[in-house]
């Protein structure tokens, strides 16, 4: 009988326990918690970032590990794992408005948004944590590998203040994306997804293994380098199609997994403010694409007749240097078995390089069905650019290059920087059938080797060009 009573008592405890289990509602709890005063010795994020950057005199900084005398650091949460786009990480910045630094905090706990919601002020106990860089951004974690804070220690290490601040996004243009904005909440204005991205989902297309990378472009410059908008394949909104139209996006400036390029990452689809009826307007020539080259050849240049590392000067072409010392030069790489021409700022020392290579002029009224074809390859292009332009008011002289009206050929494909540097990419069959008058095609390279202060520039790569043809019916 005693054993039976014990069984009933056990079952009663089990029933009570199960009745207290919460459902899958992750709403932020109303804790009515005791106000947390700023712990003694609390520092701004800039203090520990400067401490890290100044190790070894600022040359190749090494991770620094804090001890109990280093106190706390405060910040404001600007990431959210509610939508599944982040996992076991908090991104905090040093102010709710006009921040200057941000840090990724690795925490082995999920979900985090239920306690550390967007805008929440937090204090992070530094004792035992290490500050370094992971995937190219400042990161706080455990040990030199910056591993996650143990789940059992997260709530003792990250203290939640009663304040939830209004986070004001830092207003930037796409051209302003830089290292100084990493881990900060920004609003990138006047942008849209590239035409080639429309119709795709955020992260369920073939090849989206861990993340979906979709390119956005600024409405200010057709040839400006696009920025990658990145979405995790675990995000709740991964199957939603990217929005059409144009507008602004709120998100965090981060780096990709291999620290090769910048990415913009949002918390949720609500971070978009797009007008679905408006696309960017560019001054472009857009005749579309053709089914193939025409039967008659107007220009056929393979650049095989040049001398390696000397100025490219095929008959009738114009090689013009607008700024710096870089010019288009004949180039032969034995591994590719193909002479080509290239422009690169590598080892040039130029603060600014602008180099033009322009085809002979063609009378586009003398025939129909003109089609342009060419191949490009990148020499670790980085932020350097290659534009393909058309003009029908250029006078054919070097002096007239800068005063002519040049419009982008919208349908011409130029190799992306993400392409393996040994691969040549086809432009496609670019129709010129809609242009008239006497005109020419220009390949305009822009880059820099130095930033004006003697430091290496962000655009110190280059491009190669080969097999340029223009045909007609």
Protein backbone atom coordinates (compact mmCIF):
# COMPACT_ATOMS: atom_id res chain seq x y z
CA UNK A 1 0.00 0.00 0.00
CA UNK A 2 2.93 2.30 0.80
CA UNK A 3 4.38 1.62 -2.66
CA UNK A 4 1.01 2.42 -4.27
CA UNK A 5 0.83 5.75 -2.41
CA UNK A 6 4.35 6.58 -3.57
CA UNK A 7 3.30 5.84 -7.18
CA UNK A 8 0.29 8.17 -6.91
CA UNK A 9 2.49 10.87 -5.40
CA UNK A 10 5.02 10.49 -8.22
CA UNK A 11 2.34 10.69 -10.92
CA UNK A 12 0.92 13.80 -9.30
CA UNK A 13 4.31 15.51 -9.39
CA UNK A 14 4.76 14.53 -13.05
CA UNK A 15 1.31 15.92 -13.92
CA UNK A 16 2.05 19.18 -12.17
CA UNK A 17 5.42 19.40 -13.95
CA UNK A 18 3.91 18.89 -17.40
CA UNK A 19 1.17 21.40 -16.71
CA UNK A 20 3.89 24.05 -16.24
CA UNK A 21 5.61 23.44 -19.58
CA UNK A 22 5.25 26.47 -21.87
CA UNK A 23 4.24 26.23 -25.49
CA UNK A 24 6.37 27.44 -28.39
CA UNK A 25 5.55 31.11 -27.77
CA UNK A 26 8.81 33.03 -27.70
CA UNK A 27 7.32 36.41 -26.84
CA UNK A 28 9.55 38.63 -24.74
CA UNK A 29 8.69 37.80 -21.12
CA UNK A 30 7.21 40.47 -18.88
CA UNK A 31 9.64 39.94 -16.05
CA UNK A 32 9.13 43.11 -13.98
CA UNK A 33 12.76 42.56 -13.15
CA UNK A 34 14.87 44.52 -10.72
CA UNK A 35 16.54 47.48 -12.40
CA UNK A 36 20.14 46.64 -13.28
CA UNK A 37 22.52 49.43 -12.45
CA UNK A 38 25.55 49.84 -14.69
CA UNK A 39 28.21 47.65 -13.06
CA UNK A 40 31.27 49.38 -11.69
CA UNK A 41 34.02 49.71 -14.27
CA UNK A 42 31.66 49.62 -17.25
CA UNK A 43 33.41 50.76 -20.43
CA UNK A 44 32.28 51.76 -23.91
CA UNK A 45 32.93 49.31 -26.75
CA UNK A 46 35.39 51.75 -28.28
CA UNK A 47 37.68 51.27 -25.29
CA UNK A 48 38.22 47.55 -25.80
CA UNK A 49 38.31 47.89 -29.60
CA UNK A 50 41.13 50.44 -29.27
CA UNK A 51 42.88 48.17 -26.80
CA UNK A 52 42.75 45.33 -29.30
CA UNK A 53 43.83 47.45 -32.27
CA UNK A 54 46.81 48.84 -30.36
CA UNK A 55 48.33 45.47 -29.50
CA UNK A 56 51.78 45.18 -31.05
CA UNK A 57 51.67 48.87 -31.87
CA UNK A 58 48.74 48.43 -34.20
CA UNK A 59 50.61 46.03 -36.47
CA UNK A 60 48.68 42.79 -37.05
CA UNK A 61 46.70 42.96 -33.78
CA UNK A 62 46.37 39.73 -31.83
CA UNK A 63 43.37 38.53 -29.75
CA UNK A 64 43.31 39.86 -26.20
CA UNK A 65 41.86 37.97 -23.22
CA UNK A 66 40.32 39.87 -20.32
CA UNK A 67 40.47 39.11 -16.60
CA UNK A 68 38.31 40.02 -13.60
CA UNK A 69 39.83 43.49 -13.28
CA UNK A 70 38.59 44.52 -16.74
CA UNK A 71 34.98 44.93 -15.60
CA UNK A 72 32.09 45.20 -18.08
CA UNK A 73 31.42 46.68 -21.48
CA UNK A 74 28.02 48.05 -22.52
CA UNK A 75 26.20 48.02 -25.83
CA UNK A 76 22.85 47.85 -27.61
CA UNK A 77 21.55 44.74 -29.36
CA UNK A 78 21.05 45.19 -33.12
CA UNK A 79 20.63 41.58 -34.25
CA UNK A 80 17.66 39.29 -33.74
CA UNK A 81 17.42 35.52 -34.11
CA UNK A 82 13.60 35.64 -34.08
CA UNK A 83 13.50 35.18 -37.86
CA UNK A 84 16.21 32.53 -37.91
CA UNK A 85 18.74 34.64 -39.80
CA UNK A 86 21.19 34.56 -36.89
CA UNK A 87 22.18 31.62 -34.71
CA UNK A 88 23.73 31.76 -31.25
CA UNK A 89 25.19 35.23 -31.72
CA UNK A 90 24.37 38.76 -30.61
CA UNK A 91 25.57 41.80 -32.47
CA UNK A 92 25.84 44.89 -30.27
CA UNK A 93 26.87 48.45 -31.11
CA UNK A 94 28.11 51.19 -28.81
CA UNK A 95 25.17 53.63 -29.16
CA UNK A 96 21.52 53.53 -30.27
CA UNK A 97 22.19 56.35 -32.74
CA UNK A 98 25.32 57.25 -34.72
CA UNK A 99 27.36 54.27 -33.47
CA UNK A 100 31.06 54.06 -34.22
CA UNK A 101 31.84 50.40 -33.44
CA UNK A 102 30.07 47.08 -33.05
CA UNK A 103 30.96 43.60 -31.81
CA UNK A 104 29.62 40.12 -32.47
CA UNK A 105 29.12 38.20 -29.21
CA UNK A 106 29.21 34.40 -29.49
CA UNK A 107 26.72 32.77 -27.07
CA UNK A 108 25.77 29.08 -26.98
CA UNK A 109 22.09 29.75 -26.30
CA UNK A 110 19.06 29.82 -28.57
CA UNK A 111 16.79 31.68 -28.90
CA UNK A 112 18.37 34.89 -27.66
CA UNK A 113 15.78 37.46 -28.76
CA UNK A 114 13.35 36.50 -25.99
CA UNK A 115 15.66 38.11 -23.46
CA UNK A 116 18.04 40.19 -25.54
CA UNK A 117 15.62 41.83 -27.94
CA UNK A 118 16.43 44.41 -30.61
CA UNK A 119 17.49 47.67 -28.93
CA UNK A 120 18.05 46.08 -25.51
CA UNK A 121 20.89 47.64 -23.54
CA UNK A 122 23.26 45.00 -22.17
CA UNK A 123 26.35 44.77 -20.02
CA UNK A 124 28.90 42.09 -20.87
CA UNK A 125 31.22 40.78 -18.21
CA UNK A 126 34.67 40.66 -19.81
CA UNK A 127 36.36 38.30 -17.35
CA UNK A 128 37.47 35.23 -19.31
CA UNK A 129 36.34 36.53 -22.72
CA UNK A 130 38.62 37.07 -25.70
CA UNK A 131 38.30 39.86 -28.25
CA UNK A 132 39.55 39.21 -31.77
CA UNK A 133 38.27 38.94 -35.32
CA UNK A 134 36.19 36.14 -36.79
CA UNK A 135 35.01 36.17 -40.40
CA UNK A 136 36.59 39.61 -40.61
CA UNK A 137 34.58 41.37 -37.86
CA UNK A 138 35.23 42.15 -34.19
CA UNK A 139 34.08 39.21 -32.06
CA UNK A 140 33.89 38.38 -28.35
CA UNK A 141 34.12 34.71 -27.44
CA UNK A 142 36.03 32.09 -25.48
CA UNK A 143 39.70 31.45 -26.22
CA UNK A 144 41.70 32.46 -29.27
CA UNK A 145 39.29 30.50 -31.47
CA UNK A 146 36.50 32.80 -30.17
CA UNK A 147 34.18 29.92 -29.35
CA UNK A 148 30.72 30.47 -27.87
CA UNK A 149 30.14 31.44 -24.26
CA UNK A 150 28.86 28.30 -22.47
CA UNK A 151 25.07 28.18 -22.23
CA UNK A 152 25.26 27.88 -18.45
CA UNK A 153 27.26 31.13 -18.29
CA UNK A 154 25.40 33.28 -20.82
CA UNK A 155 23.01 34.91 -18.34
CA UNK A 156 25.85 35.51 -15.89
CA UNK A 157 28.01 37.05 -18.62
CA UNK A 158 25.43 39.12 -20.52
CA UNK A 159 23.33 41.25 -18.17
CA UNK A 160 20.04 42.65 -19.44
CA UNK A 161 19.32 46.28 -18.60
CA UNK A 162 15.73 47.48 -18.25
CA UNK A 163 16.23 49.90 -21.18
CA UNK A 164 15.13 49.07 -24.70
CA UNK A 165 16.38 51.93 -26.84
CA UNK A 166 15.05 53.05 -30.20
CA UNK A 167 17.76 52.10 -32.67
CA UNK A 168 18.16 54.75 -35.35
CA UNK A 169 19.78 53.30 -38.48
CA UNK A 170 22.84 55.07 -39.78
CA UNK A 171 21.93 56.51 -43.19
CA UNK A 172 24.45 55.48 -45.87
CA UNK A 173 24.72 54.99 -49.61
CA UNK A 174 26.03 51.80 -51.14
CA UNK A 175 29.33 53.47 -52.03
CA UNK A 176 29.97 54.23 -48.34
CA UNK A 177 30.05 50.60 -47.21
CA UNK A 178 33.42 50.06 -45.53
CA UNK A 179 35.20 48.39 -42.63
CA UNK A 180 34.30 51.32 -40.37
CA UNK A 181 30.60 50.27 -40.54
CA UNK A 182 30.98 46.60 -39.64
CA UNK A 183 28.60 45.26 -36.95
CA UNK A 184 26.49 48.43 -37.10
CA UNK A 185 22.82 48.94 -37.94
CA UNK A 186 22.53 50.95 -41.15
CA UNK A 187 19.94 52.01 -43.71
CA UNK A 188 21.17 51.60 -47.27
CA UNK A 189 19.02 53.92 -49.34
CA UNK A 190 18.20 54.21 -53.04
CA UNK A 191 18.91 50.59 -53.93
CA UNK A 192 17.30 47.67 -55.73
CA UNK A 193 17.99 44.03 -56.50
CA UNK A 194 19.67 43.45 -59.86
CA UNK A 195 17.39 42.45 -62.71
CA UNK A 196 19.05 39.03 -62.69
CA UNK A 197 17.93 38.46 -59.08
CA UNK A 198 14.24 39.23 -59.59
CA UNK A 199 12.04 36.17 -59.27
CA UNK A 200 14.50 34.42 -56.95
CA UNK A 201 13.81 33.59 -53.33
CA UNK A 202 16.03 34.89 -50.55
CA UNK A 203 17.74 31.55 -49.91
CA UNK A 204 16.12 28.47 -51.50
CA UNK A 205 17.67 28.53 -54.96
CA UNK A 206 19.94 25.83 -56.29
CA UNK A 207 23.39 26.40 -54.85
CA UNK A 208 22.16 28.10 -51.66
CA UNK A 209 23.97 25.68 -49.35
CA UNK A 210 24.36 27.75 -46.19
CA UNK A 211 23.35 31.24 -47.31
CA UNK A 212 21.56 32.85 -50.20
CA UNK A 213 23.60 35.68 -51.72
CA UNK A 214 21.58 38.19 -53.75
CA UNK A 215 23.09 41.31 -55.34
CA UNK A 216 21.74 44.80 -54.74
CA UNK A 217 22.79 47.87 -56.71
CA UNK A 218 22.65 51.59 -56.08
CA UNK A 219 20.39 53.77 -58.22
CA UNK A 220 23.16 56.38 -58.32
CA UNK A 221 25.60 54.58 -60.63
CA UNK A 222 24.82 51.69 -62.97
CA UNK A 223 28.42 50.44 -62.84
CA UNK A 224 29.00 50.78 -59.11
CA UNK A 225 30.05 47.52 -57.47
CA UNK A 226 26.93 45.68 -56.20
CA UNK A 227 26.63 44.62 -52.56
CA UNK A 228 25.68 41.11 -51.45
CA UNK A 229 22.46 40.82 -49.45
CA UNK A 230 22.85 37.59 -47.48
CA UNK A 231 20.17 35.36 -45.97
CA UNK A 232 20.63 32.14 -44.02
CA UNK A 233 19.04 29.00 -45.45
CA UNK A 234 17.57 28.53 -41.94
CA UNK A 235 15.78 31.89 -41.99
CA UNK A 236 11.99 31.81 -41.70
CA UNK A 237 11.72 34.05 -44.76
CA UNK A 238 14.14 32.10 -46.97
CA UNK A 239 11.33 31.06 -49.37
CA UNK A 240 10.00 34.58 -49.92
CA UNK A 241 10.92 36.13 -53.27
CA UNK A 242 13.17 39.18 -53.20
CA UNK A 243 11.14 42.37 -53.55
CA UNK A 244 10.83 44.16 -56.86
CA UNK A 245 10.99 47.90 -57.11
CA UNK A 246 13.51 50.00 -55.20
CA UNK A 247 13.93 51.71 -51.86
CA UNK A 248 15.90 51.24 -48.65
CA UNK A 249 17.07 48.28 -46.57
CA UNK A 250 17.91 48.28 -42.86
CA UNK A 251 20.50 45.75 -41.76
CA UNK A 252 23.96 44.97 -40.48
CA UNK A 253 27.19 45.43 -42.43
CA UNK A 254 29.13 42.19 -42.05
CA UNK A 255 31.66 40.10 -43.97
CA UNK A 256 31.11 36.78 -45.69
CA UNK A 257 32.25 33.52 -44.08
CA UNK A 258 35.68 33.64 -45.77
CA UNK A 259 36.12 37.39 -45.16
CA UNK A 260 36.30 38.09 -48.91
CA UNK A 261 33.56 40.70 -49.34
CA UNK A 262 31.03 42.83 -47.47
CA UNK A 263 27.46 41.63 -46.96
CA UNK A 264 24.26 43.27 -45.75
CA UNK A 265 22.16 41.11 -43.44
CA UNK A 266 18.65 41.94 -42.21
CA UNK A 267 16.70 40.64 -39.22
CA UNK A 268 13.37 40.24 -41.04
CA UNK A 269 11.51 41.16 -44.25
CA UNK A 270 10.10 44.16 -42.37
CA UNK A 271 13.55 45.74 -42.73
CA UNK A 272 12.70 46.51 -46.37
CA UNK A 273 11.00 49.72 -47.45
CA UNK A 274 10.56 49.28 -51.21
CA UNK A 275 8.17 50.89 -53.66
CA UNK A 276 7.24 47.86 -55.79
CA UNK A 277 6.27 50.04 -58.76
CA UNK A 278 9.53 51.99 -59.11
CA UNK A 279 12.85 50.75 -60.51
CA UNK A 280 16.04 52.78 -60.82
CA UNK A 281 16.45 54.82 -63.97
CA UNK A 282 19.90 54.75 -65.59
CA UNK A 283 21.35 56.49 -68.63
CA UNK A 284 21.91 53.26 -70.54
CA UNK A 285 21.75 51.74 -73.97
CA UNK A 286 19.56 48.66 -73.76
CA UNK A 287 18.93 47.01 -77.12
CA UNK A 288 18.60 43.60 -75.50
CA UNK A 289 20.44 40.46 -76.56
CA UNK A 290 20.66 38.71 -79.92
CA UNK A 291 20.38 35.03 -80.78
CA UNK A 292 23.97 35.01 -81.97
CA UNK A 293 26.63 36.93 -83.90
CA UNK A 294 25.82 38.21 -87.35
CA UNK A 295 27.27 36.90 -90.62
CA UNK A 296 29.39 39.98 -91.39
CA UNK A 297 32.40 41.01 -89.30
CA UNK A 298 32.90 44.72 -88.58
CA UNK A 299 35.54 44.40 -85.81
CA UNK A 300 37.51 41.31 -84.79
CA UNK A 301 40.30 41.90 -82.26
CA UNK A 302 42.00 39.06 -80.36
CA UNK A 303 44.93 41.18 -79.07
CA UNK A 304 47.42 38.56 -80.26
CA UNK A 305 49.64 41.07 -82.04
CA UNK A 306 50.85 43.04 -79.02
CA UNK A 307 54.09 42.84 -77.05
CA UNK A 308 53.76 41.59 -73.48
CA UNK A 309 53.43 44.40 -70.88
CA UNK A 310 53.42 47.21 -73.44
CA UNK A 311 50.57 49.52 -74.44
CA UNK A 312 47.77 47.83 -76.37
CA UNK A 313 47.57 49.62 -79.73
CA UNK A 314 45.61 47.69 -82.39
CA UNK A 315 45.04 49.64 -85.59
CA UNK A 316 42.25 52.18 -85.17
CA UNK A 317 41.84 51.69 -81.41
CA UNK A 318 42.36 54.44 -78.81
CA UNK A 319 44.26 53.76 -75.57
CA UNK A 320 43.65 56.80 -73.37
CA UNK A 321 44.79 57.47 -69.77
CA UNK A 322 42.43 59.86 -68.00
CA UNK A 323 44.02 59.64 -64.52
CA UNK A 324 47.10 58.02 -63.04
CA UNK A 325 49.67 55.96 -64.90
CA UNK A 326 47.76 52.79 -65.72
CA UNK A 327 47.02 52.01 -69.36
CA UNK A 328 45.66 48.99 -71.16
CA UNK A 329 48.61 46.68 -71.85
CA UNK A 330 49.08 43.49 -73.85
CA UNK A 331 49.35 40.55 -71.51
CA UNK A 332 50.15 36.88 -71.88
CA UNK A 333 49.71 34.30 -69.14
CA UNK A 334 51.05 30.93 -70.23
CA UNK A 335 48.61 29.09 -67.96
CA UNK A 336 45.69 30.50 -69.95
CA UNK A 337 47.34 30.10 -73.37
CA UNK A 338 45.73 33.26 -74.67
CA UNK A 339 47.18 36.74 -75.18
CA UNK A 340 44.80 39.44 -73.98
CA UNK A 341 44.89 43.05 -72.87
CA UNK A 342 44.57 44.11 -69.26
CA UNK A 343 44.40 47.14 -66.96
CA UNK A 344 45.46 46.83 -63.33
CA UNK A 345 46.60 49.24 -60.63
CA UNK A 346 48.69 46.57 -58.87
CA UNK A 347 52.09 48.11 -58.04
CA UNK A 348 51.19 51.33 -59.84
CA UNK A 349 51.21 53.56 -56.76
CA UNK A 350 48.26 55.51 -58.21
CA UNK A 351 45.81 57.22 -55.88
CA UNK A 352 43.42 57.12 -58.84
CA UNK A 353 43.59 55.25 -62.15
CA UNK A 354 41.20 55.67 -65.08
CA UNK A 355 42.11 53.95 -68.35
CA UNK A 356 40.06 53.77 -71.57
CA UNK A 357 40.34 51.35 -74.48
CA UNK A 358 38.04 52.38 -77.35
CA UNK A 359 37.15 50.55 -80.55
CA UNK A 360 37.39 52.12 -83.99
CA UNK A 361 34.28 54.08 -84.92
CA UNK A 362 31.50 52.35 -86.86
CA UNK A 363 28.71 53.81 -88.99
CA UNK A 364 25.69 52.10 -87.40
CA UNK A 365 23.38 53.42 -90.12
CA UNK A 366 25.23 51.47 -92.83
CA UNK A 367 23.92 48.04 -91.80
CA UNK A 368 21.51 46.35 -89.37
CA UNK A 369 21.63 43.72 -86.65
CA UNK A 370 24.94 44.73 -85.05
CA UNK A 371 26.05 42.43 -82.20
CA UNK A 372 28.90 42.94 -79.71
CA UNK A 373 30.79 40.04 -78.13
CA UNK A 374 33.82 40.01 -75.81
CA UNK A 375 35.36 38.05 -72.93
CA UNK A 376 36.58 39.38 -69.57
CA UNK A 377 38.56 37.91 -66.69
CA UNK A 378 39.41 39.49 -63.35
CA UNK A 379 42.84 39.95 -61.80
CA UNK A 380 41.52 39.95 -58.21
CA UNK A 381 39.46 43.01 -59.20
CA UNK A 382 38.39 43.86 -55.62
CA UNK A 383 36.60 47.23 -55.79
CA UNK A 384 38.04 48.26 -59.17
CA UNK A 385 35.47 48.49 -61.95
CA UNK A 386 35.20 47.85 -65.68
CA UNK A 387 32.48 49.73 -67.57
CA UNK A 388 31.32 49.01 -71.12
CA UNK A 389 30.11 52.23 -72.73
CA UNK A 390 28.75 53.53 -76.04
CA UNK A 391 28.97 56.99 -77.58
CA UNK A 392 27.78 58.36 -80.90
CA UNK A 393 29.05 61.90 -80.33
CA UNK A 394 32.73 61.18 -79.66
CA UNK A 395 34.94 62.93 -82.20
CA UNK A 396 37.41 60.03 -82.40
CA UNK A 397 40.31 61.86 -80.72
CA UNK A 398 41.92 61.27 -77.29
CA UNK A 399 41.19 64.91 -76.41
CA UNK A 400 37.50 64.35 -76.99
CA UNK A 401 37.08 61.27 -74.77
CA UNK A 402 36.15 63.14 -71.61
CA UNK A 403 33.78 65.59 -73.29
CA UNK A 404 31.78 62.97 -75.19
CA UNK A 405 28.51 61.49 -73.92
CA UNK A 406 29.01 57.87 -72.86
CA UNK A 407 26.13 55.57 -71.93
CA UNK A 408 26.35 52.15 -70.30
CA UNK A 409 25.59 49.07 -72.37
CA UNK A 410 23.10 47.56 -69.94
CA UNK A 411 23.04 44.09 -71.50
CA UNK A 412 26.80 43.48 -71.52
CA UNK A 413 28.05 40.98 -68.91
CA UNK A 414 31.37 41.82 -67.21
CA UNK A 415 33.10 39.15 -65.13
CA UNK A 416 32.20 39.46 -61.42
CA UNK A 417 34.94 39.68 -58.81
CA UNK A 418 33.63 36.43 -57.30
CA UNK A 419 34.60 34.50 -60.45
CA UNK A 420 37.79 32.42 -60.28
CA UNK A 421 40.53 34.67 -61.62
CA UNK A 422 41.63 32.31 -64.40
CA UNK A 423 38.19 32.08 -65.98
CA UNK A 424 37.12 34.23 -68.93
CA UNK A 425 33.41 35.08 -68.96
CA UNK A 426 31.44 35.85 -72.12
CA UNK A 427 29.62 39.14 -72.49
CA UNK A 428 26.78 37.36 -74.21
CA UNK A 429 25.39 38.47 -77.57
CA UNK A 430 24.86 42.17 -76.90
CA UNK A 431 22.57 43.74 -79.48
CA UNK A 432 23.51 47.19 -80.83
CA UNK A 433 20.63 47.25 -83.30
CA UNK A 434 18.90 50.16 -81.57
CA UNK A 435 21.80 52.62 -81.83
CA UNK A 436 22.39 54.95 -84.75
CA UNK A 437 24.96 57.36 -86.11
CA UNK A 438 28.72 56.88 -86.02
CA UNK A 439 29.76 55.44 -82.68
CA UNK A 440 32.29 53.44 -80.70
CA UNK A 441 32.46 51.06 -77.76
CA UNK A 442 34.69 51.95 -74.80
CA UNK A 443 36.08 49.73 -72.04
CA UNK A 444 36.70 52.05 -69.09
CA UNK A 445 38.77 50.78 -66.15
CA UNK A 446 38.76 52.57 -62.75
CA UNK A 447 40.86 51.63 -59.72
CA UNK A 448 43.50 52.76 -57.24
CA UNK A 449 46.66 51.35 -55.71
CA UNK A 450 46.93 53.80 -52.80
CA UNK A 451 44.32 55.59 -50.74
CA UNK A 452 45.98 59.00 -50.82
CA UNK A 453 47.78 58.40 -47.54
CA UNK A 454 50.27 55.86 -48.79
CA UNK A 455 48.16 52.88 -47.76
CA UNK A 456 47.03 50.14 -50.09
CA UNK A 457 43.73 51.01 -51.76
CA UNK A 458 40.61 48.84 -51.88
CA UNK A 459 40.53 48.86 -55.70
CA UNK A 460 44.04 47.68 -56.50
CA UNK A 461 43.03 44.84 -58.79
CA UNK A 462 42.34 44.67 -62.49
CA UNK A 463 40.58 43.15 -65.49
CA UNK A 464 41.56 41.38 -68.68
CA UNK A 465 39.77 41.76 -72.01
CA UNK A 466 39.91 39.45 -75.02
CA UNK A 467 38.24 38.55 -78.33
CA UNK A 468 36.21 41.68 -79.00
CA UNK A 469 33.97 41.33 -82.07
CA UNK A 470 31.23 43.41 -83.62
CA UNK A 471 29.18 41.74 -86.34
CA UNK A 472 26.09 42.56 -88.38
CA UNK A 473 23.49 40.93 -90.61
